[in-house]
Amino acid sequence: MKYKLLFFLFFASSFLFAQENFRVTNFSLAIQGTSNLHDWESTAKTMNGTGSMQTEGGKLKAIQSLYVEIPVKSIKSTKGSIMDGKTYDALKSGSNPNIIFKLERVSGLTQSGGNYDIKATGSLTIAGASKQIDLNVRGTQNGAGSFTFSGSKSLKMTDFNIKPPTALFGTLTTGDDVKIVFSVTLGK
């Protein structure tokens, strides 16, 4: 009798706190920067990712894992193919074809209605260099069991051993600072 009760409690609690696997179903990711002539923006056209989250009654309770991969050659600039080539060279796309983010931990998850304020730390790998970064993310609960996470992060290219690209024999120089603006929807 005692074992039946324990089994029932375990089985019932698995429905209350469901750990579910999710994948990227929609996204936008822009890289914004400056140069000595004009501001520039590049966007990722492809993103793959998976995550594991704990939900209760459709509400987000915990994020156990998140892995996101962006193929470098899916990044396209509003300034055209010359800028794309400079970007691929700077990001060392030949030997490092993907930008990778791997969640390490969530240190805060606060719910307010259908929104969540999330503080997370993860490992970001760009051009073969990995760095731990902190993120403040806004999560939104969508219909059909999906969640959208959005935010931005300012980075320095040189922190990832990236030499800011130049063009026109060095007369066009890009700034070291870039801003990543993202919105990622995870669904089942």
N, C-alpha and C. Protein backbone atom coordinates (compact mmCIF):
# COMPACT_ATOMS: atom_id res chain seq x y z
N MET A 1 0.82 -1.19 0.00
CA MET A 1 0.00 0.00 0.00
C MET A 1 0.87 1.26 0.00
N LYS A 2 1.93 1.24 0.81
CA LYS A 2 2.82 2.39 0.92
C LYS A 2 3.46 2.71 -0.44
N TYR A 3 3.87 1.67 -1.20
CA TYR A 3 4.52 1.88 -2.49
C TYR A 3 3.52 2.40 -3.52
N LYS A 4 2.28 1.96 -3.44
CA LYS A 4 1.26 2.44 -4.37
C LYS A 4 1.01 3.94 -4.14
N LEU A 5 1.00 4.35 -2.89
CA LEU A 5 0.79 5.76 -2.57
C LEU A 5 1.96 6.60 -3.09
N LEU A 6 3.20 6.13 -2.88
CA LEU A 6 4.37 6.85 -3.38
C LEU A 6 4.34 6.95 -4.91
N PHE A 7 4.00 5.85 -5.57
CA PHE A 7 3.91 5.87 -7.03
C PHE A 7 2.85 6.87 -7.49
N PHE A 8 1.71 6.88 -6.84
CA PHE A 8 0.63 7.79 -7.20
C PHE A 8 1.06 9.25 -7.03
N LEU A 9 1.73 9.55 -5.92
CA LEU A 9 2.19 10.92 -5.68
C LEU A 9 3.22 11.35 -6.73
N PHE A 10 4.15 10.45 -7.06
CA PHE A 10 5.14 10.76 -8.08
C PHE A 10 4.47 10.98 -9.43
N PHE A 11 3.56 10.10 -9.79
CA PHE A 11 2.85 10.17 -11.07
C PHE A 11 2.02 11.45 -11.15
N ALA A 12 1.31 11.79 -10.08
CA ALA A 12 0.47 12.99 -10.06
C ALA A 12 1.33 14.25 -10.13
N SER A 13 2.46 14.28 -9.43
CA SER A 13 3.31 15.47 -9.46
C SER A 13 3.97 15.67 -10.82
N SER A 14 4.15 14.58 -11.58
CA SER A 14 4.73 14.75 -12.91
C SER A 14 3.79 15.50 -13.83
N PHE A 15 2.48 15.44 -13.58
CA PHE A 15 1.54 16.22 -14.38
C PHE A 15 1.49 17.67 -13.93
N LEU A 16 1.69 17.91 -12.65
CA LEU A 16 1.65 19.27 -12.14
C LEU A 16 2.88 20.07 -12.58
N PHE A 17 4.04 19.45 -12.52
CA PHE A 17 5.30 20.10 -12.88
C PHE A 17 5.90 19.36 -14.06
N ALA A 18 5.39 19.63 -15.23
CA ALA A 18 5.84 18.94 -16.43
C ALA A 18 7.12 19.56 -16.97
N GLN A 19 8.13 18.72 -17.13
CA GLN A 19 9.34 19.15 -17.81
C GLN A 19 9.15 18.81 -19.27
N GLU A 20 9.23 19.82 -20.12
CA GLU A 20 8.94 19.61 -21.52
C GLU A 20 10.09 20.10 -22.39
N ASN A 21 10.22 19.47 -23.54
CA ASN A 21 11.24 19.88 -24.50
C ASN A 21 10.63 20.84 -25.51
N PHE A 22 11.39 21.85 -25.85
CA PHE A 22 10.95 22.89 -26.77
C PHE A 22 12.01 23.05 -27.86
N ARG A 23 11.61 23.70 -28.97
CA ARG A 23 12.55 24.02 -30.05
C ARG A 23 12.23 25.42 -30.56
N VAL A 24 13.18 26.04 -31.23
CA VAL A 24 12.97 27.36 -31.81
C VAL A 24 11.96 27.23 -32.94
N THR A 25 10.86 27.97 -32.84
CA THR A 25 9.83 27.95 -33.89
C THR A 25 9.75 29.27 -34.64
N ASN A 26 10.29 30.33 -34.05
CA ASN A 26 10.30 31.64 -34.70
C ASN A 26 11.39 32.47 -34.03
N PHE A 27 11.97 33.42 -34.77
CA PHE A 27 13.03 34.23 -34.18
C PHE A 27 13.28 35.48 -35.01
N SER A 28 13.91 36.44 -34.37
CA SER A 28 14.56 37.55 -35.07
C SER A 28 15.83 37.86 -34.27
N LEU A 29 16.91 38.13 -34.99
CA LEU A 29 18.17 38.46 -34.34
C LEU A 29 18.89 39.46 -35.22
N ALA A 30 19.16 40.63 -34.65
CA ALA A 30 19.87 41.69 -35.37
C ALA A 30 21.15 42.02 -34.63
N ILE A 31 22.20 42.27 -35.41
CA ILE A 31 23.48 42.73 -34.88
C ILE A 31 23.63 44.17 -35.36
N GLN A 32 23.71 45.10 -34.42
CA GLN A 32 23.78 46.52 -34.76
C GLN A 32 25.14 47.07 -34.38
N GLY A 33 25.71 47.86 -35.28
CA GLY A 33 27.02 48.44 -35.02
C GLY A 33 27.19 49.78 -35.70
N THR A 34 28.38 50.32 -35.56
CA THR A 34 28.70 51.63 -36.14
C THR A 34 29.97 51.52 -36.97
N SER A 35 30.18 52.52 -37.79
CA SER A 35 31.45 52.69 -38.49
C SER A 35 31.74 54.18 -38.56
N ASN A 36 32.89 54.53 -39.12
CA ASN A 36 33.21 55.95 -39.22
C ASN A 36 32.39 56.65 -40.32
N LEU A 37 31.63 55.88 -41.13
CA LEU A 37 30.78 56.47 -42.16
C LEU A 37 29.29 56.37 -41.88
N HIS A 38 28.85 55.25 -41.30
CA HIS A 38 27.42 55.03 -41.09
C HIS A 38 27.19 53.90 -40.10
N ASP A 39 26.00 53.89 -39.53
CA ASP A 39 25.61 52.75 -38.71
C ASP A 39 25.28 51.59 -39.64
N TRP A 40 25.34 50.38 -39.12
CA TRP A 40 25.04 49.21 -39.93
C TRP A 40 24.25 48.19 -39.10
N GLU A 41 23.60 47.28 -39.81
CA GLU A 41 22.84 46.22 -39.14
C GLU A 41 22.91 44.96 -40.01
N SER A 42 23.11 43.84 -39.35
CA SER A 42 23.06 42.54 -40.00
C SER A 42 22.03 41.70 -39.27
N THR A 43 21.36 40.82 -39.99
CA THR A 43 20.35 39.95 -39.36
C THR A 43 20.66 38.49 -39.67
N ALA A 44 20.33 37.64 -38.71
CA ALA A 44 20.48 36.20 -38.90
C ALA A 44 19.23 35.68 -39.61
N LYS A 45 19.44 34.89 -40.64
CA LYS A 45 18.34 34.32 -41.40
C LYS A 45 18.00 32.90 -40.96
N THR A 46 18.91 32.28 -40.18
CA THR A 46 18.70 30.91 -39.69
C THR A 46 19.09 30.83 -38.22
N MET A 47 18.29 30.12 -37.45
CA MET A 47 18.61 29.85 -36.05
C MET A 47 18.02 28.48 -35.70
N ASN A 48 18.82 27.67 -35.04
CA ASN A 48 18.36 26.38 -34.55
C ASN A 48 18.55 26.37 -33.04
N GLY A 49 17.64 25.72 -32.35
CA GLY A 49 17.80 25.67 -30.91
C GLY A 49 16.80 24.75 -30.24
N THR A 50 17.19 24.28 -29.07
CA THR A 50 16.33 23.43 -28.26
C THR A 50 16.45 23.86 -26.81
N GLY A 51 15.42 23.54 -26.04
CA GLY A 51 15.43 23.86 -24.63
C GLY A 51 14.55 22.92 -23.86
N SER A 52 14.75 22.91 -22.57
CA SER A 52 13.93 22.13 -21.66
C SER A 52 13.44 23.06 -20.56
N MET A 53 12.11 23.11 -20.41
CA MET A 53 11.53 24.01 -19.41
C MET A 53 10.51 23.25 -18.58
N GLN A 54 10.34 23.72 -17.37
CA GLN A 54 9.35 23.14 -16.47
C GLN A 54 8.14 24.07 -16.43
N THR A 55 6.98 23.49 -16.66
CA THR A 55 5.75 24.27 -16.63
C THR A 55 4.78 23.66 -15.62
N GLU A 56 3.88 24.50 -15.18
CA GLU A 56 2.81 24.05 -14.27
C GLU A 56 1.55 24.75 -14.72
N GLY A 57 0.58 23.97 -15.18
CA GLY A 57 -0.67 24.55 -15.67
C GLY A 57 -0.43 25.53 -16.81
N GLY A 58 0.56 25.25 -17.66
CA GLY A 58 0.86 26.13 -18.78
C GLY A 58 1.75 27.31 -18.43
N LYS A 59 2.05 27.51 -17.15
CA LYS A 59 2.89 28.62 -16.70
C LYS A 59 4.35 28.15 -16.58
N LEU A 60 5.26 29.02 -16.94
CA LEU A 60 6.68 28.72 -16.86
C LEU A 60 7.15 28.76 -15.41
N LYS A 61 7.78 27.67 -14.97
CA LYS A 61 8.28 27.60 -13.60
C LYS A 61 9.81 27.56 -13.53
N ALA A 62 10.44 26.98 -14.55
CA ALA A 62 11.91 26.88 -14.56
C ALA A 62 12.39 26.61 -15.98
N ILE A 63 13.61 27.03 -16.24
CA ILE A 63 14.27 26.74 -17.50
C ILE A 63 15.50 25.91 -17.16
N GLN A 64 15.49 24.64 -17.59
CA GLN A 64 16.60 23.75 -17.27
C GLN A 64 17.74 23.86 -18.28
N SER A 65 17.40 24.02 -19.56
CA SER A 65 18.46 24.07 -20.56
C SER A 65 18.01 24.89 -21.76
N LEU A 66 18.99 25.42 -22.48
CA LEU A 66 18.75 26.13 -23.73
C LEU A 66 20.05 26.08 -24.52
N TYR A 67 19.93 25.69 -25.78
CA TYR A 67 21.08 25.62 -26.69
C TYR A 67 20.64 26.24 -28.00
N VAL A 68 21.35 27.28 -28.45
CA VAL A 68 21.00 27.99 -29.68
C VAL A 68 22.24 28.04 -30.57
N GLU A 69 22.01 27.79 -31.86
CA GLU A 69 23.08 27.79 -32.85
C GLU A 69 22.67 28.65 -34.04
N ILE A 70 23.56 29.56 -34.44
CA ILE A 70 23.31 30.45 -35.58
C ILE A 70 24.43 30.24 -36.60
N PRO A 71 24.10 29.73 -37.78
CA PRO A 71 25.14 29.60 -38.81
C PRO A 71 25.65 31.00 -39.22
N VAL A 72 26.95 31.19 -39.15
CA VAL A 72 27.54 32.49 -39.45
C VAL A 72 27.14 32.95 -40.85
N LYS A 73 27.15 32.04 -41.82
CA LYS A 73 26.86 32.44 -43.20
C LYS A 73 25.37 32.71 -43.44
N SER A 74 24.55 32.60 -42.39
CA SER A 74 23.15 33.01 -42.52
C SER A 74 22.97 34.47 -42.12
N ILE A 75 24.06 35.11 -41.69
CA ILE A 75 24.00 36.52 -41.28
C ILE A 75 24.15 37.39 -42.53
N LYS A 76 23.19 38.27 -42.73
CA LYS A 76 23.18 39.13 -43.92
C LYS A 76 23.10 40.59 -43.49
N SER A 77 23.84 41.44 -44.19
CA SER A 77 23.90 42.86 -43.88
C SER A 77 22.97 43.66 -44.79
N THR A 78 22.48 44.76 -44.26
CA THR A 78 21.71 45.69 -45.08
C THR A 78 22.64 46.43 -46.05
N LYS A 79 23.95 46.32 -45.86
CA LYS A 79 24.92 47.02 -46.71
C LYS A 79 25.43 46.16 -47.86
N GLY A 80 24.96 44.91 -47.98
CA GLY A 80 25.29 44.10 -49.14
C GLY A 80 26.35 43.04 -48.94
N SER A 81 26.71 42.40 -50.05
CA SER A 81 27.57 41.22 -50.02
C SER A 81 29.01 41.53 -49.62
N ILE A 82 29.50 42.73 -49.88
CA ILE A 82 30.87 43.06 -49.45
C ILE A 82 30.94 43.05 -47.92
N MET A 83 29.95 43.66 -47.27
CA MET A 83 29.88 43.64 -45.80
C MET A 83 29.71 42.20 -45.29
N ASP A 84 28.90 41.40 -45.99
CA ASP A 84 28.72 40.00 -45.59
C ASP A 84 30.06 39.27 -45.59
N GLY A 85 30.83 39.45 -46.65
CA GLY A 85 32.14 38.80 -46.74
C GLY A 85 33.07 39.23 -45.63
N LYS A 86 33.06 40.52 -45.31
CA LYS A 86 33.89 41.04 -44.21
C LYS A 86 33.44 40.42 -42.87
N THR A 87 32.13 40.28 -42.72
CA THR A 87 31.59 39.67 -41.49
C THR A 87 32.04 38.22 -41.38
N TYR A 88 31.92 37.45 -42.45
CA TYR A 88 32.30 36.03 -42.41
C TYR A 88 33.79 35.87 -42.12
N ASP A 89 34.61 36.75 -42.70
CA ASP A 89 36.05 36.70 -42.42
C ASP A 89 36.33 37.03 -40.95
N ALA A 90 35.72 38.10 -40.46
CA ALA A 90 35.94 38.52 -39.07
C ALA A 90 35.50 37.44 -38.08
N LEU A 91 34.40 36.73 -38.40
CA LEU A 91 33.88 35.69 -37.51
C LEU A 91 34.53 34.33 -37.74
N LYS A 92 35.51 34.30 -38.64
CA LYS A 92 36.28 33.07 -38.92
C LYS A 92 35.35 31.92 -39.28
N SER A 93 34.42 32.19 -40.23
CA SER A 93 33.38 31.21 -40.57
C SER A 93 33.93 29.91 -41.11
N GLY A 94 35.11 29.92 -41.73
CA GLY A 94 35.70 28.68 -42.25
C GLY A 94 35.98 27.66 -41.16
N SER A 95 36.55 28.11 -40.06
CA SER A 95 36.88 27.19 -38.96
C SER A 95 35.85 27.21 -37.83
N ASN A 96 34.97 28.20 -37.81
CA ASN A 96 33.95 28.33 -36.76
C ASN A 96 32.63 28.70 -37.42
N PRO A 97 31.95 27.71 -38.02
CA PRO A 97 30.78 28.01 -38.84
C PRO A 97 29.53 28.45 -38.07
N ASN A 98 29.54 28.32 -36.73
CA ASN A 98 28.35 28.65 -35.95
C ASN A 98 28.67 29.55 -34.76
N ILE A 99 27.73 30.41 -34.44
CA ILE A 99 27.71 31.14 -33.17
C ILE A 99 26.84 30.31 -32.25
N ILE A 100 27.30 30.05 -31.03
CA ILE A 100 26.59 29.14 -30.13
C ILE A 100 26.35 29.82 -28.78
N PHE A 101 25.11 29.70 -28.29
CA PHE A 101 24.80 30.12 -26.92
C PHE A 101 24.29 28.90 -26.17
N LYS A 102 24.87 28.66 -24.99
CA LYS A 102 24.44 27.55 -24.13
C LYS A 102 24.15 28.10 -22.74
N LEU A 103 22.89 27.94 -22.31
CA LEU A 103 22.49 28.39 -20.98
C LEU A 103 23.25 27.62 -19.91
N GLU A 104 23.76 28.36 -18.91
CA GLU A 104 24.43 27.74 -17.77
C GLU A 104 23.53 27.71 -16.55
N ARG A 105 22.83 28.83 -16.32
CA ARG A 105 21.93 28.86 -15.15
C ARG A 105 20.96 30.04 -15.26
N VAL A 106 19.84 29.88 -14.60
CA VAL A 106 18.86 30.95 -14.45
C VAL A 106 18.90 31.37 -12.99
N SER A 107 19.23 32.62 -12.72
CA SER A 107 19.34 33.09 -11.34
C SER A 107 18.09 33.83 -10.88
N GLY A 108 17.18 34.10 -11.80
CA GLY A 108 15.94 34.76 -11.43
C GLY A 108 14.87 34.54 -12.48
N LEU A 109 13.67 34.22 -12.02
CA LEU A 109 12.52 34.06 -12.91
C LEU A 109 11.31 34.57 -12.14
N THR A 110 10.84 35.77 -12.50
CA THR A 110 9.73 36.42 -11.82
C THR A 110 8.57 36.56 -12.79
N GLN A 111 7.40 36.10 -12.36
CA GLN A 111 6.22 36.18 -13.22
C GLN A 111 5.35 37.36 -12.84
N SER A 112 4.81 38.03 -13.88
CA SER A 112 3.85 39.10 -13.70
C SER A 112 2.82 38.95 -14.81
N GLY A 113 1.67 38.35 -14.48
CA GLY A 113 0.67 38.04 -15.50
C GLY A 113 1.21 37.00 -16.44
N GLY A 114 1.15 37.24 -17.74
CA GLY A 114 1.69 36.32 -18.73
C GLY A 114 3.12 36.62 -19.11
N ASN A 115 3.77 37.55 -18.38
CA ASN A 115 5.16 37.92 -18.67
C ASN A 115 6.10 37.43 -17.58
N TYR A 116 7.36 37.30 -17.96
CA TYR A 116 8.39 36.83 -17.03
C TYR A 116 9.63 37.70 -17.19
N ASP A 117 10.23 38.07 -16.08
CA ASP A 117 11.54 38.72 -16.09
C ASP A 117 12.55 37.65 -15.69
N ILE A 118 13.53 37.44 -16.56
CA ILE A 118 14.46 36.33 -16.38
C ILE A 118 15.89 36.87 -16.35
N LYS A 119 16.65 36.42 -15.37
CA LYS A 119 18.08 36.71 -15.29
C LYS A 119 18.80 35.40 -15.53
N ALA A 120 19.65 35.38 -16.54
CA ALA A 120 20.31 34.13 -16.91
C ALA A 120 21.78 34.38 -17.21
N THR A 121 22.56 33.31 -17.12
CA THR A 121 23.97 33.32 -17.47
C THR A 121 24.21 32.17 -18.43
N GLY A 122 25.01 32.44 -19.46
CA GLY A 122 25.31 31.40 -20.41
C GLY A 122 26.67 31.61 -21.04
N SER A 123 27.06 30.62 -21.82
CA SER A 123 28.32 30.68 -22.55
C SER A 123 28.02 31.03 -24.00
N LEU A 124 28.64 32.11 -24.48
CA LEU A 124 28.48 32.55 -25.86
C LEU A 124 29.80 32.31 -26.58
N THR A 125 29.73 31.57 -27.68
CA THR A 125 30.92 31.26 -28.47
C THR A 125 30.79 31.92 -29.83
N ILE A 126 31.73 32.80 -30.14
CA ILE A 126 31.78 33.51 -31.42
C ILE A 126 33.21 33.43 -31.94
N ALA A 127 33.37 33.06 -33.20
CA ALA A 127 34.69 32.98 -33.84
C ALA A 127 35.65 32.10 -33.06
N GLY A 128 35.13 31.07 -32.41
CA GLY A 128 35.95 30.12 -31.66
C GLY A 128 36.30 30.55 -30.25
N ALA A 129 35.91 31.74 -29.84
CA ALA A 129 36.18 32.24 -28.49
C ALA A 129 34.90 32.19 -27.67
N SER A 130 34.99 31.64 -26.46
CA SER A 130 33.83 31.54 -25.57
C SER A 130 33.97 32.51 -24.42
N LYS A 131 32.83 33.09 -24.06
CA LYS A 131 32.80 34.04 -22.95
C LYS A 131 31.48 33.86 -22.22
N GLN A 132 31.53 33.94 -20.90
CA GLN A 132 30.32 33.87 -20.09
C GLN A 132 29.65 35.25 -20.12
N ILE A 133 28.33 35.26 -20.39
CA ILE A 133 27.60 36.52 -20.42
C ILE A 133 26.36 36.42 -19.55
N ASP A 134 25.94 37.56 -19.02
CA ASP A 134 24.70 37.66 -18.26
C ASP A 134 23.65 38.30 -19.17
N LEU A 135 22.42 37.81 -19.07
CA LEU A 135 21.31 38.33 -19.87
C LEU A 135 20.13 38.67 -18.97
N ASN A 136 19.47 39.78 -19.28
CA ASN A 136 18.17 40.10 -18.70
C ASN A 136 17.17 39.97 -19.84
N VAL A 137 16.24 39.05 -19.69
CA VAL A 137 15.34 38.68 -20.78
C VAL A 137 13.91 38.85 -20.33
N ARG A 138 13.06 39.28 -21.25
CA ARG A 138 11.62 39.36 -21.01
C ARG A 138 10.97 38.16 -21.70
N GLY A 139 10.27 37.35 -20.94
CA GLY A 139 9.55 36.21 -21.49
C GLY A 139 8.07 36.52 -21.56
N THR A 140 7.41 36.02 -22.60
CA THR A 140 5.98 36.20 -22.77
C THR A 140 5.35 34.85 -23.07
N GLN A 141 4.28 34.56 -22.37
CA GLN A 141 3.57 33.31 -22.59
C GLN A 141 2.63 33.50 -23.77
N ASN A 142 2.74 32.64 -24.77
CA ASN A 142 1.89 32.68 -25.95
C ASN A 142 0.83 31.59 -25.86
N GLY A 143 -0.09 31.61 -26.76
CA GLY A 143 -1.04 30.51 -26.85
C GLY A 143 -0.33 29.27 -27.37
N ALA A 144 -1.01 28.16 -27.31
CA ALA A 144 -0.52 26.88 -27.85
C ALA A 144 0.78 26.41 -27.20
N GLY A 145 1.01 26.76 -25.94
CA GLY A 145 2.15 26.23 -25.20
C GLY A 145 3.51 26.70 -25.69
N SER A 146 3.61 27.93 -26.14
CA SER A 146 4.91 28.45 -26.54
C SER A 146 5.23 29.71 -25.74
N PHE A 147 6.52 30.06 -25.72
CA PHE A 147 7.00 31.21 -24.99
C PHE A 147 7.96 31.99 -25.89
N THR A 148 7.88 33.32 -25.83
CA THR A 148 8.79 34.17 -26.57
C THR A 148 9.69 34.89 -25.58
N PHE A 149 10.99 34.86 -25.86
CA PHE A 149 12.00 35.49 -25.01
C PHE A 149 12.69 36.57 -25.83
N SER A 150 12.74 37.80 -25.29
CA SER A 150 13.34 38.89 -26.04
C SER A 150 14.25 39.72 -25.14
N GLY A 151 15.20 40.38 -25.78
CA GLY A 151 16.12 41.22 -25.04
C GLY A 151 17.21 41.73 -25.94
N SER A 152 18.22 42.30 -25.34
CA SER A 152 19.38 42.79 -26.09
C SER A 152 20.62 42.64 -25.21
N LYS A 153 21.76 42.63 -25.88
CA LYS A 153 23.03 42.52 -25.16
C LYS A 153 24.10 43.28 -25.93
N SER A 154 24.79 44.18 -25.24
CA SER A 154 25.91 44.90 -25.83
C SER A 154 27.19 44.11 -25.61
N LEU A 155 27.99 44.01 -26.66
CA LEU A 155 29.24 43.24 -26.61
C LEU A 155 30.34 44.04 -27.30
N LYS A 156 31.56 43.64 -27.03
CA LYS A 156 32.71 44.17 -27.76
C LYS A 156 33.26 43.04 -28.63
N MET A 157 33.51 43.34 -29.89
CA MET A 157 34.08 42.32 -30.78
C MET A 157 35.41 41.80 -30.25
N THR A 158 36.23 42.71 -29.73
CA THR A 158 37.56 42.31 -29.27
C THR A 158 37.52 41.36 -28.06
N ASP A 159 36.40 41.34 -27.32
CA ASP A 159 36.26 40.38 -26.23
C ASP A 159 36.22 38.94 -26.75
N PHE A 160 35.92 38.77 -28.04
CA PHE A 160 35.87 37.46 -28.67
C PHE A 160 37.02 37.30 -29.68
N ASN A 161 38.07 38.08 -29.49
CA ASN A 161 39.25 38.05 -30.34
C ASN A 161 38.92 38.34 -31.81
N ILE A 162 37.91 39.19 -32.02
CA ILE A 162 37.52 39.59 -33.37
C ILE A 162 38.08 40.97 -33.64
N LYS A 163 38.80 41.09 -34.74
CA LYS A 163 39.30 42.39 -35.16
C LYS A 163 38.17 43.09 -35.92
N PRO A 164 37.73 44.26 -35.45
CA PRO A 164 36.65 44.96 -36.16
C PRO A 164 37.00 45.14 -37.64
N PRO A 165 36.09 44.74 -38.54
CA PRO A 165 36.38 44.79 -39.97
C PRO A 165 36.64 46.21 -40.48
N THR A 166 37.44 46.25 -41.54
CA THR A 166 37.72 47.50 -42.24
C THR A 166 37.46 47.27 -43.73
N ALA A 167 37.33 48.35 -44.48
CA ALA A 167 37.14 48.26 -45.93
C ALA A 167 37.77 49.48 -46.58
N LEU A 168 37.81 49.45 -47.89
CA LEU A 168 38.34 50.57 -48.67
C LEU A 168 39.74 50.97 -48.20
N PHE A 169 40.60 49.94 -48.11
CA PHE A 169 42.00 50.13 -47.71
C PHE A 169 42.13 50.80 -46.35
N GLY A 170 41.22 50.48 -45.45
CA GLY A 170 41.28 50.99 -44.08
C GLY A 170 40.60 52.32 -43.86
N THR A 171 40.05 52.91 -44.91
CA THR A 171 39.37 54.20 -44.72
C THR A 171 38.01 54.03 -44.08
N LEU A 172 37.41 52.83 -44.19
CA LEU A 172 36.14 52.53 -43.51
C LEU A 172 36.46 51.59 -42.36
N THR A 173 36.19 52.03 -41.14
CA THR A 173 36.46 51.20 -39.96
C THR A 173 35.18 51.04 -39.16
N THR A 174 34.96 49.83 -38.67
CA THR A 174 33.79 49.59 -37.83
C THR A 174 34.17 49.74 -36.37
N GLY A 175 33.19 50.12 -35.57
CA GLY A 175 33.42 50.25 -34.14
C GLY A 175 33.50 48.90 -33.46
N ASP A 176 34.14 48.84 -32.33
CA ASP A 176 34.31 47.61 -31.55
C ASP A 176 32.99 47.18 -30.89
N ASP A 177 32.14 48.14 -30.56
CA ASP A 177 30.90 47.84 -29.84
C ASP A 177 29.80 47.41 -30.80
N VAL A 178 29.10 46.33 -30.45
CA VAL A 178 27.93 45.88 -31.19
C VAL A 178 26.81 45.61 -30.19
N LYS A 179 25.60 45.63 -30.67
CA LYS A 179 24.43 45.33 -29.85
C LYS A 179 23.66 44.22 -30.55
N ILE A 180 23.35 43.17 -29.79
CA ILE A 180 22.57 42.05 -30.30
C ILE A 180 21.14 42.24 -29.78
N VAL A 181 20.17 42.29 -30.68
CA VAL A 181 18.76 42.44 -30.32
C VAL A 181 18.05 41.17 -30.79
N PHE A 182 17.38 40.49 -29.87
CA PHE A 182 16.80 39.19 -30.22
C PHE A 182 15.40 39.00 -29.70
N SER A 183 14.69 38.12 -30.38
CA SER A 183 13.39 37.64 -29.96
C SER A 183 13.31 36.20 -30.44
N VAL A 184 13.15 35.26 -29.51
CA VAL A 184 13.15 33.85 -29.85
C VAL A 184 11.91 33.19 -29.26
N THR A 185 11.15 32.52 -30.11
CA THR A 185 9.98 31.78 -29.65
C THR A 185 10.31 30.30 -29.59
N LEU A 186 10.05 29.71 -28.42
CA LEU A 186 10.24 28.27 -28.22
C LEU A 186 8.86 27.63 -28.12
N GLY A 187 8.64 26.61 -28.91
CA GLY A 187 7.37 25.87 -28.89
C GLY A 187 7.65 24.39 -28.90
N LYS A 188 6.59 23.61 -28.76
CA LYS A 188 6.74 22.15 -28.73
C LYS A 188 6.78 21.58 -30.13
